């Protein structure tokens, strides 16, 4: 899975993946990034099947939350 981020100005970015219970599964990035485009490649092969959520956090609030479903193929 690839997460793409596009920033129009320098900003603090924190992206986390949590499971359906809200437990942290992975911290993708937690840094101050310059304006530009970024790609983060996530290996989900060790994850159990189920629902996960990607949260973009900024200044202690959730800015975006996206559902991710991991299924066995």
Protein backbone atom coordinates (compact mmCIF):
# COMPACT_ATOMS: atom_id res chain seq x y z
CA UNK A 1 0.00 0.00 0.00
CA UNK A 2 1.25 3.50 -0.77
CA UNK A 3 0.24 6.66 1.04
CA UNK A 4 0.74 9.87 -0.91
CA UNK A 5 0.99 13.26 0.78
CA UNK A 6 1.08 16.62 -0.98
CA UNK A 7 1.94 19.72 1.06
CA UNK A 8 1.65 23.31 -0.17
CA UNK A 9 3.73 24.64 2.73
CA UNK A 10 6.01 23.37 5.48
CA UNK A 11 3.95 21.71 8.18
CA UNK A 12 4.02 19.20 11.00
CA UNK A 13 2.73 15.87 9.71
CA UNK A 14 1.75 12.80 11.71
CA UNK A 15 0.13 9.84 9.99
CA UNK A 16 -0.83 6.77 12.01
CA UNK A 17 -2.56 3.48 11.27
CA UNK A 18 -4.87 2.22 14.02
CA UNK A 19 -6.91 -0.97 14.28
CA UNK A 20 -10.68 -1.08 14.81
CA UNK A 21 -10.13 -0.80 18.57
CA UNK A 22 -8.17 2.43 18.14
CA UNK A 23 -4.86 0.78 19.02
CA UNK A 24 -1.80 2.07 17.20
CA UNK A 25 -0.66 -0.41 14.55
CA UNK A 26 1.94 1.75 12.84
CA UNK A 27 3.31 5.28 12.88
CA UNK A 28 3.95 6.14 9.24
CA UNK A 29 5.51 9.56 9.72
CA UNK A 30 5.83 12.10 12.53
CA UNK A 31 7.93 15.01 11.34
CA UNK A 32 8.02 18.57 10.06
CA UNK A 33 8.02 18.33 6.27
CA UNK A 34 8.81 20.96 3.66
CA UNK A 35 6.34 21.74 0.88
CA UNK A 36 6.32 18.99 -1.75
CA UNK A 37 5.08 15.52 -2.54
CA UNK A 38 5.88 12.45 -0.45
CA UNK A 39 5.17 8.74 -0.80
CA UNK A 40 5.23 6.25 2.04
CA UNK A 41 5.18 2.54 1.17
CA UNK A 42 3.47 0.43 3.83
CA UNK A 43 4.00 -3.32 4.13
CA UNK A 44 0.71 -4.81 5.37
CA UNK A 45 1.68 -8.47 4.97
CA UNK A 46 2.04 -8.99 8.74
CA UNK A 47 -1.32 -7.40 9.54
CA UNK A 48 -4.26 -9.59 10.43
CA UNK A 49 -7.29 -9.36 8.16
CA UNK A 50 -9.73 -6.68 9.26
CA UNK A 51 -10.44 -2.97 9.32
CA UNK A 52 -7.77 -0.37 9.96
CA UNK A 53 -7.91 3.39 9.89
CA UNK A 54 -5.35 5.90 8.66
CA UNK A 55 -5.37 9.09 10.70
CA UNK A 56 -3.69 12.32 9.72
CA UNK A 57 -3.05 14.18 12.96
CA UNK A 58 -2.28 17.85 13.34
CA UNK A 59 -1.95 19.82 16.55
CA UNK A 60 -3.63 17.12 18.63
CA UNK A 61 -6.71 16.85 16.42
CA UNK A 62 -7.68 14.40 13.70
CA UNK A 63 -7.73 16.14 10.31
CA UNK A 64 -8.58 13.11 8.19
CA UNK A 65 -9.51 9.50 8.86
CA UNK A 66 -9.60 6.88 6.07
CA UNK A 67 -10.78 3.29 6.42
CA UNK A 68 -8.44 0.55 5.17
CA UNK A 69 -9.62 -3.04 4.86
CA UNK A 70 -6.99 -5.79 4.87
CA UNK A 71 -8.27 -8.94 3.19
CA UNK A 72 -6.54 -12.16 2.28
CA UNK A 73 -6.28 -12.68 -1.48
